[in-house]
């Protein structure tokens, strides 16, 4: 039955199995890269918030010039 669903009679094509294995490795690599980039993005976003807090704190202590 499974052979009929696949559209051919015979064993599994070794080229197809190799390609599937290669694609699975590629998907795993890409998933790991996505996780790494998300972590890096979170770190950079946190650093940007910390930096903006420092900038706001520094400028709030400087008096604004008087209007003339």
PDB file of N, CA and C in Angstrom:
ATOM      1  N   UNK A   1       0.823  -1.187   0.000  1.00  0.00           N
ATOM      2  CA  UNK A   1       0.000   0.000   0.000  1.00  0.00           C
ATOM      3  C   UNK A   1       0.875   1.262   0.000  1.00  0.00           C
ATOM      4  N   UNK A   2       1.897   1.291   0.865  1.00  0.00           N
ATOM      5  CA  UNK A   2       2.766   2.464   0.944  1.00  0.00           C
ATOM      6  C   UNK A   2       3.488   2.678  -0.372  1.00  0.00           C
ATOM      7  N   UNK A   3       3.882   1.590  -1.023  1.00  0.00           N
ATOM      8  CA  UNK A   3       4.576   1.720  -2.306  1.00  0.00           C
ATOM      9  C   UNK A   3       3.653   2.346  -3.348  1.00  0.00           C
ATOM     10  N   UNK A   4       2.401   1.968  -3.312  1.00  0.00           N
ATOM     11  CA  UNK A   4       1.450   2.530  -4.267  1.00  0.00           C
ATOM     12  C   UNK A   4       1.251   4.016  -4.000  1.00  0.00           C
ATOM     13  N   UNK A   5       1.250   4.405  -2.744  1.00  0.00           N
ATOM     14  CA  UNK A   5       1.085   5.814  -2.402  1.00  0.00           C
ATOM     15  C   UNK A   5       2.287   6.633  -2.854  1.00  0.00           C
ATOM     16  N   UNK A   6       3.473   6.056  -2.815  1.00  0.00           N
ATOM     17  CA  UNK A   6       4.670   6.768  -3.238  1.00  0.00           C
ATOM     18  C   UNK A   6       4.777   6.848  -4.756  1.00  0.00           C
ATOM     19  N   UNK A   7       4.069   6.004  -5.456  1.00  0.00           N
ATOM     20  CA  UNK A   7       4.060   6.102  -6.906  1.00  0.00           C
ATOM     21  C   UNK A   7       5.081   5.240  -7.606  1.00  0.00           C
ATOM     22  N   UNK A   8       5.760   4.386  -6.909  1.00  0.00           N
ATOM     23  CA  UNK A   8       6.718   3.505  -7.562  1.00  0.00           C
ATOM     24  C   UNK A   8       6.840   2.219  -6.753  1.00  0.00           C
ATOM     25  N   UNK A   9       7.379   1.221  -7.397  1.00  0.00           N
ATOM     26  CA  UNK A   9       7.591  -0.072  -6.749  1.00  0.00           C
ATOM     27  C   UNK A   9       9.090  -0.263  -6.623  1.00  0.00           C
ATOM     28  N   UNK A  10       9.516  -0.667  -5.455  1.00  0.00           N
ATOM     29  CA  UNK A  10      10.935  -0.893  -5.233  1.00  0.00           C
ATOM     30  C   UNK A  10      11.358  -0.284  -3.918  1.00  0.00           C
ATOM     31  N   UNK A  11      12.635  -0.410  -3.636  1.00  0.00           N
ATOM     32  CA  UNK A  11      13.179   0.092  -2.381  1.00  0.00           C
ATOM     33  C   UNK A  11      13.296   1.614  -2.389  1.00  0.00           C
ATOM     34  N   UNK A  12      13.668   2.126  -1.259  1.00  0.00           N
ATOM     35  CA  UNK A  12      13.844   3.568  -1.124  1.00  0.00           C
ATOM     36  C   UNK A  12      15.041   4.014  -1.972  1.00  0.00           C
ATOM     37  N   UNK A  13      14.892   5.151  -2.595  1.00  0.00           N
ATOM     38  CA  UNK A  13      15.958   5.707  -3.423  1.00  0.00           C
ATOM     39  C   UNK A  13      17.042   6.271  -2.506  1.00  0.00           C
ATOM     40  N   UNK A  14      18.277   5.783  -2.608  1.00  0.00           N
ATOM     41  CA  UNK A  14      19.337   6.277  -1.718  1.00  0.00           C
ATOM     42  C   UNK A  14      19.619   7.774  -1.910  1.00  0.00           C
ATOM     43  N   UNK A  15      19.422   8.271  -3.135  1.00  0.00           N
ATOM     44  CA  UNK A  15      19.636   9.710  -3.363  1.00  0.00           C
ATOM     45  C   UNK A  15      18.601  10.524  -2.604  1.00  0.00           C
ATOM     46  N   UNK A  16      17.369  10.032  -2.591  1.00  0.00           N
ATOM     47  CA  UNK A  16      16.301  10.722  -1.871  1.00  0.00           C
ATOM     48  C   UNK A  16      16.572  10.692  -0.369  1.00  0.00           C
ATOM     49  N   UNK A  17      16.994   9.551   0.143  1.00  0.00           N
ATOM     50  CA  UNK A  17      17.303   9.441   1.571  1.00  0.00           C
ATOM     51  C   UNK A  17      18.447  10.370   1.955  1.00  0.00           C
ATOM     52  N   UNK A  18      19.465  10.468   1.094  1.00  0.00           N
ATOM     53  CA  UNK A  18      20.596  11.368   1.353  1.00  0.00           C
ATOM     54  C   UNK A  18      20.146  12.822   1.349  1.00  0.00           C
ATOM     55  N   UNK A  19      19.292  13.162   0.396  1.00  0.00           N
ATOM     56  CA  UNK A  19      18.780  14.533   0.312  1.00  0.00           C
ATOM     57  C   UNK A  19      17.934  14.883   1.540  1.00  0.00           C
ATOM     58  N   UNK A  20      17.087  13.967   1.974  1.00  0.00           N
ATOM     59  CA  UNK A  20      16.263  14.194   3.163  1.00  0.00           C
ATOM     60  C   UNK A  20      17.151  14.385   4.385  1.00  0.00           C
ATOM     61  N   UNK A  21      18.186  13.583   4.507  1.00  0.00           N
ATOM     62  CA  UNK A  21      19.116  13.698   5.625  1.00  0.00           C
ATOM     63  C   UNK A  21      19.826  15.055   5.597  1.00  0.00           C
ATOM     64  N   UNK A  22      20.244  15.489   4.404  1.00  0.00           N
ATOM     65  CA  UNK A  22      20.911  16.784   4.256  1.00  0.00           C
ATOM     66  C   UNK A  22      19.962  17.925   4.630  1.00  0.00           C
ATOM     67  N   UNK A  23      18.726  17.834   4.180  1.00  0.00           N
ATOM     68  CA  UNK A  23      17.745  18.872   4.485  1.00  0.00           C
ATOM     69  C   UNK A  23      17.417  18.923   5.976  1.00  0.00           C
ATOM     70  N   UNK A  24      17.340  17.775   6.609  1.00  0.00           N
ATOM     71  CA  UNK A  24      17.082  17.748   8.059  1.00  0.00           C
ATOM     72  C   UNK A  24      18.222  18.407   8.830  1.00  0.00           C
ATOM     73  N   UNK A  25      19.471  18.122   8.403  1.00  0.00           N
ATOM     74  CA  UNK A  25      20.619  18.779   9.041  1.00  0.00           C
ATOM     75  C   UNK A  25      20.555  20.286   8.835  1.00  0.00           C
ATOM     76  N   UNK A  26      20.178  20.700   7.637  1.00  0.00           N
ATOM     77  CA  UNK A  26      20.090  22.139   7.322  1.00  0.00           C
ATOM     78  C   UNK A  26      19.016  22.808   8.183  1.00  0.00           C
ATOM     79  N   UNK A  27      17.877  22.154   8.343  1.00  0.00           N
ATOM     80  CA  UNK A  27      16.808  22.694   9.187  1.00  0.00           C
ATOM     81  C   UNK A  27      17.287  22.818  10.628  1.00  0.00           C
ATOM     82  N   UNK A  28      17.986  21.812  11.117  1.00  0.00           N
ATOM     83  CA  UNK A  28      18.519  21.859  12.478  1.00  0.00           C
ATOM     84  C   UNK A  28      19.506  23.009  12.627  1.00  0.00           C
ATOM     85  N   UNK A  29      20.381  23.184  11.644  1.00  0.00           N
ATOM     86  CA  UNK A  29      21.343  24.295  11.680  1.00  0.00           C
ATOM     87  C   UNK A  29      20.632  25.644  11.668  1.00  0.00           C
ATOM     88  N   UNK A  30      19.612  25.777  10.835  1.00  0.00           N
ATOM     89  CA  UNK A  30      18.874  27.040  10.758  1.00  0.00           C
ATOM     90  C   UNK A  30      18.102  27.326  12.037  1.00  0.00           C
ATOM     91  N   UNK A  31      17.535  26.293  12.646  1.00  0.00           N
ATOM     92  CA  UNK A  31      16.833  26.486  13.917  1.00  0.00           C
ATOM     93  C   UNK A  31      17.804  26.964  14.999  1.00  0.00           C
ATOM     94  N   UNK A  32      19.009  26.390  15.025  1.00  0.00           N
ATOM     95  CA  UNK A  32      20.022  26.814  15.991  1.00  0.00           C
ATOM     96  C   UNK A  32      20.437  28.257  15.725  1.00  0.00           C
ATOM     97  N   UNK A  33      20.553  28.626  14.457  1.00  0.00           N
ATOM     98  CA  UNK A  33      20.916  29.998  14.109  1.00  0.00           C
ATOM     99  C   UNK A  33      19.817  30.976  14.527  1.00  0.00           C
ATOM    100  N   UNK A  34      18.561  30.592  14.345  1.00  0.00           N
ATOM    101  CA  UNK A  34      17.449  31.451  14.767  1.00  0.00           C
ATOM    102  C   UNK A  34      17.502  31.668  16.273  1.00  0.00           C
ATOM    103  N   UNK A  35      17.738  30.615  17.034  1.00  0.00           N
ATOM    104  CA  UNK A  35      17.819  30.749  18.494  1.00  0.00           C
ATOM    105  C   UNK A  35      18.979  31.658  18.897  1.00  0.00           C
ATOM    106  N   UNK A  36      20.122  31.508  18.226  1.00  0.00           N
ATOM    107  CA  UNK A  36      21.280  32.349  18.529  1.00  0.00           C
ATOM    108  C   UNK A  36      20.986  33.809  18.211  1.00  0.00           C
ATOM    109  N   UNK A  37      20.377  34.054  17.068  1.00  0.00           N
ATOM    110  CA  UNK A  37      20.070  35.429  16.677  1.00  0.00           C
ATOM    111  C   UNK A  37      19.010  36.057  17.586  1.00  0.00           C
ATOM    112  N   UNK A  38      18.037  35.263  18.032  1.00  0.00           N
ATOM    113  CA  UNK A  38      17.036  35.781  18.965  1.00  0.00           C
ATOM    114  C   UNK A  38      17.681  36.165  20.285  1.00  0.00           C
ATOM    115  N   UNK A  39      18.599  35.335  20.772  1.00  0.00           N
ATOM    116  CA  UNK A  39      19.295  35.643  22.016  1.00  0.00           C
ATOM    117  C   UNK A  39      20.152  36.896  21.854  1.00  0.00           C
ATOM    118  N   UNK A  40      20.846  37.011  20.724  1.00  0.00           N
ATOM    119  CA  UNK A  40      21.662  38.190  20.469  1.00  0.00           C
ATOM    120  C   UNK A  40      20.790  39.442  20.356  1.00  0.00           C
ATOM    121  N   UNK A  41      19.649  39.315  19.705  1.00  0.00           N
ATOM    122  CA  UNK A  41      18.729  40.441  19.568  1.00  0.00           C
ATOM    123  C   UNK A  41      18.200  40.870  20.937  1.00  0.00           C
ATOM    124  N   UNK A  42      17.842  39.916  21.773  1.00  0.00           N
ATOM    125  CA  UNK A  42      17.370  40.241  23.122  1.00  0.00           C
ATOM    126  C   UNK A  42      18.447  40.979  23.907  1.00  0.00           C
ATOM    127  N   UNK A  43      19.677  40.507  23.781  1.00  0.00           N
ATOM    128  CA  UNK A  43      20.797  41.140  24.480  1.00  0.00           C
ATOM    129  C   UNK A  43      20.999  42.572  23.985  1.00  0.00           C
ATOM    130  N   UNK A  44      20.964  42.769  22.677  1.00  0.00           N
ATOM    131  CA  UNK A  44      21.145  44.107  22.111  1.00  0.00           C
ATOM    132  C   UNK A  44      19.991  45.032  22.486  1.00  0.00           C
ATOM    133  N   UNK A  45      18.777  44.516  22.500  1.00  0.00           N
ATOM    134  CA  UNK A  45      17.624  45.333  22.888  1.00  0.00           C
ATOM    135  C   UNK A  45      17.743  45.766  24.345  1.00  0.00           C
ATOM    136  N   UNK A  46      18.186  44.852  25.190  1.00  0.00           N
ATOM    137  CA  UNK A  46      18.382  45.188  26.606  1.00  0.00           C
ATOM    138  C   UNK A  46      19.480  46.233  26.763  1.00  0.00           C
ATOM    139  N   UNK A  47      20.550  46.093  26.009  1.00  0.00           N
ATOM    140  CA  UNK A  47      21.641  47.065  26.066  1.00  0.00           C
ATOM    141  C   UNK A  47      21.171  48.432  25.571  1.00  0.00           C
ATOM    142  N   UNK A  48      20.326  48.455  24.555  1.00  0.00           N
ATOM    143  CA  UNK A  48      19.812  49.723  24.026  1.00  0.00           C
ATOM    144  C   UNK A  48      18.929  50.411  25.058  1.00  0.00           C
ATOM    145  N   UNK A  49      18.120  49.641  25.765  1.00  0.00           N
ATOM    146  CA  UNK A  49      17.267  50.222  26.812  1.00  0.00           C
ATOM    147  C   UNK A  49      18.135  50.776  27.931  1.00  0.00           C
ATOM    148  N   UNK A  50      19.153  50.024  28.332  1.00  0.00           N
ATOM    149  CA  UNK A  50      20.054  50.496  29.383  1.00  0.00           C
ATOM    150  C   UNK A  50      20.772  51.771  28.943  1.00  0.00           C
ATOM    151  N   UNK A  51      21.201  51.807  27.691  1.00  0.00           N
ATOM    152  CA  UNK A  51      21.897  52.985  27.163  1.00  0.00           C
ATOM    153  C   UNK A  51      20.967  54.195  27.145  1.00  0.00           C
ATOM    154  N   UNK A  52      19.731  53.999  26.720  1.00  0.00           N
ATOM    155  CA  UNK A  52      18.795  55.128  26.664  1.00  0.00           C
ATOM    156  C   UNK A  52      18.475  55.628  28.068  1.00  0.00           C
ATOM    157  N   UNK A  53      18.442  54.738  29.040  1.00  0.00           N
ATOM    158  CA  UNK A  53      18.226  55.173  30.433  1.00  0.00           C
ATOM    159  C   UNK A  53      19.394  56.034  30.899  1.00  0.00           C
ATOM    160  N   UNK A  54      20.619  55.623  30.543  1.00  0.00           N
ATOM    161  CA  UNK A  54      21.786  56.409  30.930  1.00  0.00           C
ATOM    162  C   UNK A  54      21.752  57.784  30.282  1.00  0.00           C
ATOM    163  N   UNK A  55      21.389  57.832  29.014  1.00  0.00           N
ATOM    164  CA  UNK A  55      21.334  59.104  28.302  1.00  0.00           C
ATOM    165  C   UNK A  55      20.269  60.002  28.914  1.00  0.00           C
ATOM    166  N   UNK A  56      19.117  59.433  29.222  1.00  0.00           N
ATOM    167  CA  UNK A  56      18.045  60.219  29.830  1.00  0.00           C
ATOM    168  C   UNK A  56      18.454  60.720  31.214  1.00  0.00           C
ATOM    169  N   UNK A  57      19.130  59.890  31.974  1.00  0.00           N
ATOM    170  CA  UNK A  57      19.576  60.295  33.305  1.00  0.00           C
ATOM    171  C   UNK A  57      20.607  61.414  33.223  1.00  0.00           C
ATOM    172  N   UNK A  58      21.502  61.340  32.254  1.00  0.00           N
ATOM    173  CA  UNK A  58      22.533  62.359  32.104  1.00  0.00           C
ATOM    174  C   UNK A  58      21.942  63.699  31.675  1.00  0.00           C
ATOM    175  N   UNK A  59      20.996  63.682  30.796  1.00  0.00           N
ATOM    176  CA  UNK A  59      20.424  64.938  30.281  1.00  0.00           C
ATOM    177  C   UNK A  59      19.430  65.561  31.255  1.00  0.00           C
ATOM    178  N   UNK A  60      18.846  64.760  32.118  1.00  0.00           N
ATOM    179  CA  UNK A  60      17.862  65.320  33.048  1.00  0.00           C
ATOM    180  C   UNK A  60      18.534  66.162  34.133  1.00  0.00           C
ATOM    181  N   UNK A  61      19.823  65.947  34.403  1.00  0.00           N
ATOM    182  CA  UNK A  61      20.496  66.722  35.433  1.00  0.00           C
ATOM    183  C   UNK A  61      21.039  68.053  34.889  1.00  0.00           C
ATOM    184  N   UNK A  62      21.076  68.200  33.570  1.00  0.00           N
ATOM    185  CA  UNK A  62      21.550  69.432  32.954  1.00  0.00           C
ATOM    186  C   UNK A  62      20.367  70.385  32.811  1.00  0.00           C
ATOM    187  N   UNK A  63      20.475  71.575  33.381  1.00  0.00           N
ATOM    188  CA  UNK A  63      19.350  72.505  33.259  1.00  0.00           C
ATOM    189  C   UNK A  63      19.183  72.980  31.812  1.00  0.00           C
ATOM    190  N   UNK A  64      17.940  73.203  31.436  1.00  0.00           N
ATOM    191  CA  UNK A  64      17.680  73.708  30.102  1.00  0.00           C
ATOM    192  C   UNK A  64      17.989  75.206  30.046  1.00  0.00           C
ATOM    193  N   UNK A  65      18.435  75.689  28.913  1.00  0.00           N
ATOM    194  CA  UNK A  65      18.729  77.119  28.823  1.00  0.00           C
ATOM    195  C   UNK A  65      17.434  77.935  28.907  1.00  0.00           C
ATOM    196  N   UNK A  66      17.582  79.125  29.450  1.00  0.00           N
ATOM    197  CA  UNK A  66      16.412  80.012  29.594  1.00  0.00           C
ATOM    198  C   UNK A  66      16.024  80.567  28.242  1.00  0.00           C
ATOM    199  N   UNK A  67      14.756  80.760  28.051  1.00  0.00           N
ATOM    200  CA  UNK A  67      14.279  81.360  26.808  1.00  0.00           C
ATOM    201  C   UNK A  67      14.575  82.851  26.825  1.00  0.00           C
ATOM    202  N   UNK A  68      14.991  83.398  25.715  1.00  0.00           N
ATOM    203  CA  UNK A  68      15.291  84.837  25.661  1.00  0.00           C
ATOM    204  C   UNK A  68      14.225  85.584  24.913  1.00  0.00           C
TER     205      UNK A  68
END
